Amino acid sequence: MKMKLCCLIRCWVALPAVALLLAGCSKQEDPAVPSAQNQKSSDAAASLQKAASDVKDKVQETAQDVAQKAAAEAEKLKTQAQQQAQQAKELVVTEADKLKAQAQEQLQATKDQTAAGSETLKAQSLIDRASKLVAETKYADAANVLKQLASLKLTPEQQKTVNDLSGKIKTALTGDAAKSVGNLLDGNK
């Protein structure tokens, strides 16, 4: 633009007549030249502004897409975490129930063993008492004690002892009865 202005000034100095003519024309041409340049620069500015606007829109659109994808992924991860937490909870409950059932079974087994041990001790006490009564020749009392063993569960060794005692008591009672009958018969003579 400075070059054109220099050319115009030379022309005005060299040809004053032409200068007047040109001065009148230059007014018309001068606005046209800047107007074309203004048009070009405004087109360039508009083009840059449009490009900037397009880039801004694209960035916003991309940011929205990324945000939506991130939100969807976060929701997916949240759902997975909830499912895993639920599975872990169910596993803990299941294992706790198993342990509880095992503890109850062990407790019941212990109670059963205690009861069996208690029953075995009670039976042994009655067997010992019956043995003592047999040793003291109190066979009828010993037989009554052995009758109390009928409701108790005996070990094989205890059952053998009871059978032996019963045999001794029967033999002794049979012998005593025979003696009594013999004494009765002898008393009648």
N, C-alpha and C. Protein backbone atom coordinates (compact mmCIF):
# COMPACT_ATOMS: atom_id res chain seq x y z
N MET A 1 0.82 -1.18 0.00
CA MET A 1 0.00 0.00 0.00
C MET A 1 0.87 1.26 0.00
N LYS A 2 1.99 1.24 0.66
CA LYS A 2 2.91 2.39 0.67
C LYS A 2 3.49 2.62 -0.71
N MET A 3 3.73 1.53 -1.41
CA MET A 3 4.29 1.66 -2.76
C MET A 3 3.31 2.37 -3.68
N LYS A 4 2.10 2.00 -3.59
CA LYS A 4 1.09 2.60 -4.46
C LYS A 4 0.96 4.08 -4.13
N LEU A 5 1.05 4.36 -2.84
CA LEU A 5 0.94 5.77 -2.42
C LEU A 5 2.11 6.58 -2.98
N CYS A 6 3.32 6.04 -2.96
CA CYS A 6 4.50 6.72 -3.51
C CYS A 6 4.33 6.97 -5.01
N CYS A 7 3.84 6.00 -5.72
CA CYS A 7 3.60 6.15 -7.17
C CYS A 7 2.59 7.26 -7.41
N LEU A 8 1.58 7.29 -6.62
CA LEU A 8 0.55 8.31 -6.79
C LEU A 8 1.11 9.70 -6.52
N ILE A 9 1.95 9.80 -5.52
CA ILE A 9 2.52 11.11 -5.21
C ILE A 9 3.42 11.58 -6.36
N ARG A 10 4.18 10.75 -6.95
CA ARG A 10 5.06 11.10 -8.08
C ARG A 10 4.22 11.57 -9.27
N CYS A 11 3.16 10.81 -9.44
CA CYS A 11 2.29 11.19 -10.56
C CYS A 11 1.70 12.57 -10.31
N TRP A 12 1.34 12.92 -9.14
CA TRP A 12 0.75 14.24 -8.84
C TRP A 12 1.78 15.36 -9.02
N VAL A 13 3.00 15.04 -8.68
CA VAL A 13 4.03 16.06 -8.80
C VAL A 13 4.37 16.26 -10.30
N ALA A 14 4.49 15.22 -11.03
CA ALA A 14 4.91 15.30 -12.44
C ALA A 14 3.82 15.87 -13.32
N LEU A 15 2.68 15.53 -13.11
CA LEU A 15 1.62 15.96 -13.99
C LEU A 15 0.51 16.58 -13.17
N PRO A 16 0.56 17.89 -12.94
CA PRO A 16 -0.48 18.52 -12.15
C PRO A 16 -1.84 18.43 -12.80
N ALA A 17 -1.85 18.44 -14.09
CA ALA A 17 -3.13 18.32 -14.76
C ALA A 17 -3.69 16.93 -14.57
N VAL A 18 -2.80 16.02 -14.72
CA VAL A 18 -3.23 14.63 -14.56
C VAL A 18 -3.59 14.41 -13.09
N ALA A 19 -2.87 15.15 -12.26
CA ALA A 19 -3.11 15.00 -10.83
C ALA A 19 -4.53 15.38 -10.47
N LEU A 20 -5.02 16.47 -11.09
CA LEU A 20 -6.38 16.86 -10.81
C LEU A 20 -7.35 15.80 -11.31
N LEU A 21 -7.03 15.35 -12.49
CA LEU A 21 -7.87 14.30 -13.03
C LEU A 21 -7.80 13.04 -12.14
N LEU A 22 -6.57 12.75 -11.81
CA LEU A 22 -6.37 11.57 -10.98
C LEU A 22 -6.92 11.78 -9.57
N ALA A 23 -6.83 13.00 -9.10
CA ALA A 23 -7.32 13.28 -7.76
C ALA A 23 -8.81 13.00 -7.69
N GLY A 24 -9.51 13.42 -8.76
CA GLY A 24 -10.94 13.14 -8.80
C GLY A 24 -11.18 11.64 -8.92
N CYS A 25 -10.38 11.01 -9.72
CA CYS A 25 -10.54 9.56 -9.91
C CYS A 25 -10.01 8.79 -8.72
N SER A 26 -8.96 9.33 -8.16
CA SER A 26 -8.36 8.59 -7.05
C SER A 26 -9.30 8.48 -5.86
N LYS A 27 -10.17 9.47 -5.74
CA LYS A 27 -11.14 9.38 -4.66
C LYS A 27 -12.05 8.20 -4.87
N GLN A 28 -12.34 8.00 -6.14
CA GLN A 28 -13.20 6.87 -6.43
C GLN A 28 -12.41 5.56 -6.34
N GLU A 29 -11.16 5.59 -6.78
CA GLU A 29 -10.36 4.37 -6.77
C GLU A 29 -9.86 4.06 -5.38
N ASP A 30 -9.48 5.10 -4.64
CA ASP A 30 -8.95 4.86 -3.31
C ASP A 30 -9.94 4.10 -2.43
N PRO A 31 -11.21 4.52 -2.40
CA PRO A 31 -12.12 3.73 -1.57
C PRO A 31 -12.29 2.32 -2.11
N ALA A 32 -12.14 2.15 -3.40
CA ALA A 32 -12.33 0.81 -3.96
C ALA A 32 -11.21 -0.10 -3.54
N VAL A 33 -9.98 0.41 -3.57
CA VAL A 33 -8.82 -0.42 -3.22
C VAL A 33 -8.90 -0.83 -1.75
N PRO A 34 -9.07 0.15 -0.83
CA PRO A 34 -9.17 -0.29 0.55
C PRO A 34 -10.40 -1.15 0.78
N SER A 35 -11.43 -0.89 0.08
CA SER A 35 -12.63 -1.68 0.25
C SER A 35 -12.37 -3.11 -0.14
N ALA A 36 -11.63 -3.36 -1.20
CA ALA A 36 -11.29 -4.73 -1.60
C ALA A 36 -10.37 -5.34 -0.56
N GLN A 37 -9.42 -4.53 -0.08
CA GLN A 37 -8.52 -5.05 0.94
C GLN A 37 -9.27 -5.28 2.25
N ASN A 38 -10.15 -4.33 2.57
CA ASN A 38 -10.96 -4.51 3.77
C ASN A 38 -11.84 -5.75 3.62
N GLN A 39 -12.32 -5.91 2.39
CA GLN A 39 -13.17 -7.08 2.12
C GLN A 39 -12.36 -8.35 2.32
N LYS A 40 -11.10 -8.34 1.78
CA LYS A 40 -10.25 -9.52 1.92
C LYS A 40 -9.91 -9.77 3.38
N SER A 41 -9.55 -8.70 4.10
CA SER A 41 -9.19 -8.89 5.51
C SER A 41 -10.41 -9.26 6.35
N SER A 42 -11.58 -8.69 6.00
CA SER A 42 -12.77 -9.08 6.75
C SER A 42 -13.17 -10.51 6.40
N ASP A 43 -12.94 -10.90 5.09
CA ASP A 43 -13.19 -12.30 4.72
C ASP A 43 -12.24 -13.22 5.48
N ALA A 44 -10.96 -12.79 5.55
CA ALA A 44 -9.97 -13.60 6.28
C ALA A 44 -10.34 -13.66 7.75
N ALA A 45 -10.74 -12.53 8.32
CA ALA A 45 -11.11 -12.50 9.74
C ALA A 45 -12.35 -13.35 9.96
N ALA A 46 -13.30 -13.24 9.05
CA ALA A 46 -14.52 -14.05 9.18
C ALA A 46 -14.17 -15.53 9.04
N SER A 47 -13.27 -15.81 8.11
CA SER A 47 -12.84 -17.19 7.90
C SER A 47 -12.14 -17.73 9.14
N LEU A 48 -11.24 -16.90 9.70
CA LEU A 48 -10.55 -17.30 10.94
C LEU A 48 -11.53 -17.45 12.09
N GLN A 49 -12.46 -16.52 12.16
CA GLN A 49 -13.46 -16.59 13.23
C GLN A 49 -14.31 -17.84 13.09
N LYS A 50 -14.69 -18.15 11.85
CA LYS A 50 -15.48 -19.35 11.61
C LYS A 50 -14.67 -20.60 11.96
N ALA A 51 -13.38 -20.60 11.56
CA ALA A 51 -12.51 -21.74 11.87
C ALA A 51 -12.36 -21.89 13.37
N ALA A 52 -12.17 -20.75 14.06
CA ALA A 52 -12.05 -20.80 15.52
C ALA A 52 -13.35 -21.30 16.15
N SER A 53 -14.45 -20.84 15.63
CA SER A 53 -15.75 -21.28 16.12
C SER A 53 -15.94 -22.78 15.88
N ASP A 54 -15.54 -23.22 14.65
CA ASP A 54 -15.64 -24.65 14.33
C ASP A 54 -14.77 -25.49 15.27
N VAL A 55 -13.53 -25.02 15.51
CA VAL A 55 -12.61 -25.73 16.41
C VAL A 55 -13.20 -25.76 17.82
N LYS A 56 -13.75 -24.63 18.26
CA LYS A 56 -14.35 -24.55 19.59
C LYS A 56 -15.52 -25.53 19.70
N ASP A 57 -16.38 -25.55 18.66
CA ASP A 57 -17.51 -26.48 18.66
C ASP A 57 -17.03 -27.93 18.68
N LYS A 58 -16.00 -28.21 17.88
CA LYS A 58 -15.46 -29.58 17.81
C LYS A 58 -14.87 -29.99 19.16
N VAL A 59 -14.14 -29.07 19.80
CA VAL A 59 -13.56 -29.35 21.12
C VAL A 59 -14.66 -29.59 22.13
N GLN A 60 -15.70 -28.76 22.10
CA GLN A 60 -16.82 -28.94 23.03
C GLN A 60 -17.52 -30.28 22.77
N GLU A 61 -17.71 -30.60 21.50
CA GLU A 61 -18.36 -31.86 21.14
C GLU A 61 -17.51 -33.05 21.61
N THR A 62 -16.20 -32.96 21.38
CA THR A 62 -15.29 -34.02 21.82
C THR A 62 -15.29 -34.13 23.35
N ALA A 63 -15.28 -32.99 24.03
CA ALA A 63 -15.31 -32.99 25.49
C ALA A 63 -16.61 -33.63 26.00
N GLN A 64 -17.71 -33.32 25.34
CA GLN A 64 -18.99 -33.92 25.74
C GLN A 64 -18.98 -35.43 25.50
N ASP A 65 -18.43 -35.85 24.35
CA ASP A 65 -18.33 -37.29 24.06
C ASP A 65 -17.47 -37.99 25.10
N VAL A 66 -16.33 -37.38 25.41
CA VAL A 66 -15.43 -37.97 26.41
C VAL A 66 -16.13 -38.03 27.77
N ALA A 67 -16.82 -36.98 28.13
CA ALA A 67 -17.53 -36.95 29.42
C ALA A 67 -18.61 -38.02 29.46
N GLN A 68 -19.35 -38.18 28.35
CA GLN A 68 -20.40 -39.20 28.30
C GLN A 68 -19.79 -40.61 28.39
N LYS A 69 -18.70 -40.82 27.65
CA LYS A 69 -18.04 -42.13 27.69
C LYS A 69 -17.48 -42.40 29.09
N ALA A 70 -16.90 -41.38 29.70
CA ALA A 70 -16.36 -41.53 31.05
C ALA A 70 -17.48 -41.83 32.03
N ALA A 71 -18.60 -41.16 31.90
CA ALA A 71 -19.75 -41.40 32.80
C ALA A 71 -20.29 -42.81 32.60
N ALA A 72 -20.37 -43.25 31.33
CA ALA A 72 -20.86 -44.61 31.05
C ALA A 72 -19.89 -45.64 31.62
N GLU A 73 -18.60 -45.41 31.47
CA GLU A 73 -17.59 -46.34 32.00
C GLU A 73 -17.63 -46.35 33.52
N ALA A 74 -17.79 -45.18 34.12
CA ALA A 74 -17.88 -45.09 35.58
C ALA A 74 -19.11 -45.84 36.08
N GLU A 75 -20.21 -45.71 35.38
CA GLU A 75 -21.45 -46.42 35.77
C GLU A 75 -21.24 -47.93 35.64
N LYS A 76 -20.57 -48.32 34.57
CA LYS A 76 -20.28 -49.74 34.35
C LYS A 76 -19.40 -50.28 35.49
N LEU A 77 -18.36 -49.54 35.83
CA LEU A 77 -17.47 -49.96 36.91
C LEU A 77 -18.20 -49.99 38.25
N LYS A 78 -19.08 -49.02 38.45
CA LYS A 78 -19.87 -48.97 39.69
C LYS A 78 -20.76 -50.20 39.78
N THR A 79 -21.40 -50.56 38.67
CA THR A 79 -22.27 -51.74 38.65
C THR A 79 -21.46 -53.01 38.92
N GLN A 80 -20.29 -53.11 38.30
CA GLN A 80 -19.44 -54.28 38.53
C GLN A 80 -19.01 -54.35 39.99
N ALA A 81 -18.64 -53.22 40.56
CA ALA A 81 -18.22 -53.19 41.96
C ALA A 81 -19.37 -53.62 42.87
N GLN A 82 -20.58 -53.15 42.57
CA GLN A 82 -21.74 -53.54 43.37
C GLN A 82 -22.01 -55.04 43.26
N GLN A 83 -21.87 -55.58 42.04
CA GLN A 83 -22.08 -57.01 41.85
C GLN A 83 -21.04 -57.82 42.61
N GLN A 84 -19.79 -57.38 42.55
CA GLN A 84 -18.74 -58.08 43.26
C GLN A 84 -18.94 -57.99 44.77
N ALA A 85 -19.38 -56.84 45.24
CA ALA A 85 -19.65 -56.69 46.67
C ALA A 85 -20.79 -57.61 47.09
N GLN A 86 -21.83 -57.72 46.26
CA GLN A 86 -22.96 -58.60 46.57
C GLN A 86 -22.51 -60.06 46.59
N GLN A 87 -21.67 -60.43 45.62
CA GLN A 87 -21.16 -61.81 45.58
C GLN A 87 -20.31 -62.10 46.81
N ALA A 88 -19.48 -61.15 47.19
CA ALA A 88 -18.65 -61.33 48.38
C ALA A 88 -19.51 -61.47 49.63
N LYS A 89 -20.56 -60.65 49.70
CA LYS A 89 -21.47 -60.71 50.85
C LYS A 89 -22.15 -62.08 50.91
N GLU A 90 -22.62 -62.56 49.75
CA GLU A 90 -23.29 -63.86 49.71
C GLU A 90 -22.32 -64.98 50.09
N LEU A 91 -21.07 -64.86 49.65
CA LEU A 91 -20.06 -65.86 49.97
C LEU A 91 -19.79 -65.86 51.47
N VAL A 92 -19.69 -64.69 52.06
CA VAL A 92 -19.45 -64.59 53.50
C VAL A 92 -20.62 -65.20 54.27
N VAL A 93 -21.84 -64.89 53.84
CA VAL A 93 -23.03 -65.43 54.51
C VAL A 93 -23.05 -66.96 54.39
N THR A 94 -22.74 -67.47 53.20
CA THR A 94 -22.73 -68.92 52.99
C THR A 94 -21.68 -69.58 53.87
N GLU A 95 -20.49 -69.02 53.90
CA GLU A 95 -19.42 -69.59 54.72
C GLU A 95 -19.77 -69.50 56.21
N ALA A 96 -20.38 -68.40 56.60
CA ALA A 96 -20.78 -68.24 58.00
C ALA A 96 -21.83 -69.29 58.36
N ASP A 97 -22.77 -69.53 57.45
CA ASP A 97 -23.79 -70.56 57.70
C ASP A 97 -23.15 -71.94 57.81
N LYS A 98 -22.18 -72.22 56.95
CA LYS A 98 -21.49 -73.52 57.01
C LYS A 98 -20.77 -73.68 58.35
N LEU A 99 -20.07 -72.61 58.75
CA LEU A 99 -19.34 -72.67 60.02
C LEU A 99 -20.30 -72.83 61.20
N LYS A 100 -21.43 -72.14 61.11
CA LYS A 100 -22.43 -72.23 62.18
C LYS A 100 -22.96 -73.66 62.26
N ALA A 101 -23.25 -74.26 61.10
CA ALA A 101 -23.77 -75.63 61.07
C ALA A 101 -22.72 -76.60 61.62
N GLN A 102 -21.46 -76.39 61.26
CA GLN A 102 -20.39 -77.26 61.78
C GLN A 102 -20.27 -77.12 63.29
N ALA A 103 -20.36 -75.89 63.77
CA ALA A 103 -20.26 -75.65 65.21
C ALA A 103 -21.42 -76.33 65.94
N GLN A 104 -22.62 -76.25 65.36
CA GLN A 104 -23.78 -76.90 65.98
C GLN A 104 -23.62 -78.41 65.99
N GLU A 105 -23.09 -78.97 64.88
CA GLU A 105 -22.86 -80.41 64.82
C GLU A 105 -21.84 -80.83 65.86
N GLN A 106 -20.77 -80.07 65.99
CA GLN A 106 -19.75 -80.39 66.99
C GLN A 106 -20.31 -80.26 68.41
N LEU A 107 -21.12 -79.25 68.63
CA LEU A 107 -21.74 -79.08 69.94
C LEU A 107 -22.65 -80.25 70.25
N GLN A 108 -23.45 -80.66 69.26
CA GLN A 108 -24.35 -81.79 69.46
C GLN A 108 -23.55 -83.07 69.71
N ALA A 109 -22.46 -83.25 68.97
CA ALA A 109 -21.63 -84.43 69.16
C ALA A 109 -21.02 -84.43 70.56
N THR A 110 -20.61 -83.24 71.00
CA THR A 110 -20.05 -83.13 72.36
C THR A 110 -21.12 -83.44 73.40
N LYS A 111 -22.32 -82.93 73.18
CA LYS A 111 -23.42 -83.21 74.11
C LYS A 111 -23.72 -84.71 74.13
N ASP A 112 -23.75 -85.30 72.92
CA ASP A 112 -24.02 -86.74 72.83
C ASP A 112 -22.93 -87.53 73.55
N GLN A 113 -21.68 -87.15 73.36
CA GLN A 113 -20.59 -87.84 74.02
C GLN A 113 -20.67 -87.67 75.52
N THR A 114 -21.02 -86.45 75.94
CA THR A 114 -21.16 -86.19 77.37
C THR A 114 -22.29 -87.03 77.95
N ALA A 115 -23.42 -87.05 77.23
CA ALA A 115 -24.56 -87.84 77.70
C ALA A 115 -24.19 -89.32 77.72
N ALA A 116 -23.53 -89.77 76.66
CA ALA A 116 -23.13 -91.18 76.62
C ALA A 116 -22.13 -91.47 77.74
N GLY A 117 -21.22 -90.55 77.95
CA GLY A 117 -20.25 -90.72 79.04
C GLY A 117 -20.95 -90.74 80.39
N SER A 118 -21.91 -89.85 80.54
CA SER A 118 -22.67 -89.80 81.78
C SER A 118 -23.47 -91.09 81.98
N GLU A 119 -24.08 -91.58 80.90
CA GLU A 119 -24.87 -92.82 80.96
C GLU A 119 -23.96 -94.00 81.27
N THR A 120 -22.78 -93.99 80.65
CA THR A 120 -21.82 -95.07 80.89
C THR A 120 -21.37 -95.06 82.34
N LEU A 121 -21.12 -93.85 82.87
CA LEU A 121 -20.71 -93.74 84.28
C LEU A 121 -21.83 -94.21 85.22
N LYS A 122 -23.05 -93.82 84.90
CA LYS A 122 -24.19 -94.22 85.74
C LYS A 122 -24.33 -95.74 85.71
N ALA A 123 -24.22 -96.32 84.51
CA ALA A 123 -24.35 -97.78 84.37
C ALA A 123 -23.24 -98.47 85.15
N GLN A 124 -22.02 -97.92 85.04
CA GLN A 124 -20.89 -98.54 85.74
C GLN A 124 -21.09 -98.46 87.25
N SER A 125 -21.65 -97.36 87.70
CA SER A 125 -21.91 -97.20 89.14
C SER A 125 -22.91 -98.26 89.61
N LEU A 126 -23.97 -98.48 88.81
CA LEU A 126 -24.98 -99.49 89.20
C LEU A 126 -24.37 -100.91 89.14
N ILE A 127 -23.53 -101.15 88.15
CA ILE A 127 -22.88 -102.46 88.04
C ILE A 127 -21.98 -102.70 89.25
N ASP A 128 -21.22 -101.67 89.61
CA ASP A 128 -20.34 -101.80 90.78
C ASP A 128 -21.15 -102.06 92.05
N ARG A 129 -22.28 -101.38 92.19
CA ARG A 129 -23.14 -101.57 93.36
C ARG A 129 -23.71 -103.00 93.38
N ALA A 130 -24.16 -103.47 92.20
CA ALA A 130 -24.70 -104.84 92.12
C ALA A 130 -23.61 -105.85 92.44
N SER A 131 -22.40 -105.62 91.97
CA SER A 131 -21.27 -106.53 92.26
C SER A 131 -21.00 -106.58 93.75
N LYS A 132 -21.04 -105.44 94.39
CA LYS A 132 -20.80 -105.36 95.83
C LYS A 132 -21.89 -106.13 96.58
N LEU A 133 -23.16 -105.95 96.14
CA LEU A 133 -24.27 -106.66 96.79
C LEU A 133 -24.15 -108.18 96.58
N VAL A 134 -23.69 -108.59 95.41
CA VAL A 134 -23.48 -110.02 95.16
C VAL A 134 -22.40 -110.54 96.09
N ALA A 135 -21.32 -109.73 96.24
CA ALA A 135 -20.24 -110.14 97.13
C ALA A 135 -20.73 -110.25 98.57
N GLU A 136 -21.70 -109.44 98.93
CA GLU A 136 -22.26 -109.47 100.28
C GLU A 136 -23.39 -110.49 100.39
N THR A 137 -23.62 -111.24 99.35
CA THR A 137 -24.68 -112.26 99.25
C THR A 137 -26.09 -111.68 99.41
N LYS A 138 -26.24 -110.46 98.94
CA LYS A 138 -27.56 -109.82 98.94
C LYS A 138 -28.07 -109.89 97.50
N TYR A 139 -28.43 -111.09 97.09
CA TYR A 139 -28.78 -111.36 95.70
C TYR A 139 -30.08 -110.68 95.25
N ALA A 140 -31.07 -110.60 96.08
CA ALA A 140 -32.34 -109.97 95.70
C ALA A 140 -32.12 -108.47 95.47
N ASP A 141 -31.34 -107.84 96.36
CA ASP A 141 -31.04 -106.42 96.18
C ASP A 141 -30.21 -106.21 94.91
N ALA A 142 -29.27 -107.09 94.66
CA ALA A 142 -28.43 -107.01 93.47
C ALA A 142 -29.29 -107.14 92.21
N ALA A 143 -30.29 -108.03 92.24
CA ALA A 143 -31.18 -108.22 91.09
C ALA A 143 -31.98 -106.96 90.84
N ASN A 144 -32.44 -106.30 91.89
CA ASN A 144 -33.19 -105.04 91.74
C ASN A 144 -32.30 -103.94 91.13
N VAL A 145 -31.04 -103.89 91.53
CA VAL A 145 -30.12 -102.90 90.98
C VAL A 145 -29.90 -103.17 89.49
N LEU A 146 -29.74 -104.43 89.12
CA LEU A 146 -29.52 -104.78 87.72
C LEU A 146 -30.73 -104.43 86.85
N LYS A 147 -31.94 -104.47 87.44
CA LYS A 147 -33.14 -104.10 86.69
C LYS A 147 -33.09 -102.62 86.28
N GLN A 148 -32.42 -101.79 87.05
CA GLN A 148 -32.30 -100.36 86.73
C GLN A 148 -31.43 -100.12 85.49
N LEU A 149 -30.62 -101.11 85.16
CA LEU A 149 -29.74 -100.99 83.99
C LEU A 149 -30.49 -101.20 82.67
N ALA A 150 -31.72 -101.69 82.74
CA ALA A 150 -32.47 -102.03 81.52
C ALA A 150 -32.67 -100.80 80.62
N SER A 151 -32.82 -99.62 81.18
CA SER A 151 -33.08 -98.42 80.38
C SER A 151 -31.79 -97.73 79.90
N LEU A 152 -30.65 -98.22 80.31
CA LEU A 152 -29.38 -97.59 79.95
C LEU A 152 -28.68 -98.35 78.84
N LYS A 153 -27.91 -97.60 78.05
CA LYS A 153 -27.13 -98.24 76.98
C LYS A 153 -25.78 -98.63 77.59
N LEU A 154 -25.45 -99.90 77.43
CA LEU A 154 -24.24 -100.42 78.03
C LEU A 154 -23.16 -100.67 76.97
N THR A 155 -21.93 -100.55 77.42
CA THR A 155 -20.82 -100.90 76.54
C THR A 155 -20.74 -102.42 76.49
N PRO A 156 -20.06 -102.97 75.50
CA PRO A 156 -19.93 -104.44 75.43
C PRO A 156 -19.33 -105.05 76.71
N GLU A 157 -18.34 -104.38 77.28
CA GLU A 157 -17.73 -104.89 78.52
C GLU A 157 -18.73 -104.86 79.67
N GLN A 158 -19.50 -103.76 79.76
CA GLN A 158 -20.51 -103.66 80.81
C GLN A 158 -21.58 -104.73 80.64
N GLN A 159 -22.00 -104.97 79.38
CA GLN A 159 -23.03 -105.97 79.12
C GLN A 159 -22.53 -107.35 79.56
N LYS A 160 -21.26 -107.64 79.29
CA LYS A 160 -20.68 -108.94 79.70
C LYS A 160 -20.69 -109.06 81.23
N THR A 161 -20.31 -107.99 81.92
CA THR A 161 -20.30 -108.00 83.39
C THR A 161 -21.72 -108.20 83.93
N VAL A 162 -22.70 -107.50 83.33
CA VAL A 162 -24.10 -107.64 83.78
C VAL A 162 -24.57 -109.08 83.56
N ASN A 163 -24.24 -109.65 82.41
CA ASN A 163 -24.64 -111.05 82.13
C ASN A 163 -24.01 -112.00 83.16
N ASP A 164 -22.74 -111.77 83.48
CA ASP A 164 -22.07 -112.62 84.49
C ASP A 164 -22.75 -112.47 85.85
N LEU A 165 -23.04 -111.23 86.24
CA LEU A 165 -23.69 -110.99 87.54
C LEU A 165 -25.09 -111.62 87.58
N SER A 166 -25.83 -111.48 86.46
CA SER A 166 -27.18 -112.06 86.40
C SER A 166 -27.10 -113.58 86.58
N GLY A 167 -26.12 -114.17 85.93
CA GLY A 167 -25.94 -115.62 86.06
C GLY A 167 -25.65 -116.01 87.50
N LYS A 168 -24.78 -115.28 88.14
CA LYS A 168 -24.42 -115.57 89.54
C LYS A 168 -25.64 -115.40 90.44
N ILE A 169 -26.40 -114.32 90.20
CA ILE A 169 -27.59 -114.05 91.03
C ILE A 169 -28.61 -115.16 90.85
N LYS A 170 -28.85 -115.59 89.61
CA LYS A 170 -29.82 -116.66 89.35
C LYS A 170 -29.37 -117.96 90.02
N THR A 171 -28.12 -118.23 89.87
CA THR A 171 -27.58 -119.45 90.48
C THR A 171 -27.74 -119.39 91.99
N ALA A 172 -27.39 -118.27 92.56
CA ALA A 172 -27.46 -118.12 94.02
C ALA A 172 -28.90 -118.17 94.50
N LEU A 173 -29.80 -117.46 93.77
CA LEU A 173 -31.20 -117.46 94.18
C LEU A 173 -31.80 -118.86 94.01
N THR A 174 -31.44 -119.57 92.98
CA THR A 174 -31.94 -120.93 92.76
C THR A 174 -31.43 -121.84 93.88
N GLY A 175 -30.18 -121.66 94.24
CA GLY A 175 -29.60 -122.46 95.33
C GLY A 175 -30.27 -122.15 96.65
N ASP A 176 -30.52 -120.86 96.90
CA ASP A 176 -31.19 -120.46 98.14
C ASP A 176 -32.60 -121.02 98.17
N ALA A 177 -33.28 -120.99 97.04
CA ALA A 177 -34.66 -121.51 96.98
C ALA A 177 -34.65 -123.01 97.24
N ALA A 178 -33.70 -123.69 96.68
CA ALA A 178 -33.63 -125.14 96.89
C ALA A 178 -33.35 -125.43 98.34
N LYS A 179 -32.47 -124.65 98.96
CA LYS A 179 -32.17 -124.85 100.38
C LYS A 179 -33.42 -124.60 101.21
N SER A 180 -34.14 -123.54 100.84
CA SER A 180 -35.34 -123.20 101.60
C SER A 180 -36.37 -124.31 101.48
N VAL A 181 -36.53 -124.83 100.27
CA VAL A 181 -37.49 -125.92 100.07
C VAL A 181 -37.00 -127.15 100.84
N GLY A 182 -35.71 -127.37 100.77
CA GLY A 182 -35.14 -128.52 101.50
C GLY A 182 -35.33 -128.36 102.98
N ASN A 183 -35.14 -127.17 103.47
CA ASN A 183 -35.32 -126.92 104.90
C ASN A 183 -36.78 -127.08 105.27
N LEU A 184 -37.68 -126.69 104.38
CA LEU A 184 -39.10 -126.86 104.66
C LEU A 184 -39.46 -128.34 104.74
N LEU A 185 -38.89 -129.06 103.81
CA LEU A 185 -39.17 -130.50 103.77
C LEU A 185 -38.56 -131.18 104.98
N ASP A 186 -37.40 -130.76 105.34
CA ASP A 186 -36.76 -131.36 106.51
C ASP A 186 -37.50 -130.99 107.77
N GLY A 187 -38.08 -129.84 107.80
CA GLY A 187 -38.81 -129.38 108.98
C GLY A 187 -40.09 -130.14 109.13
N ASN A 188 -40.66 -130.74 108.09
CA ASN A 188 -41.92 -131.45 108.15
C ASN A 188 -41.70 -132.86 108.65
N LYS A 189 -40.57 -133.39 108.69
CA LYS A 189 -40.33 -134.76 109.08
C LYS A 189 -40.53 -134.94 110.48
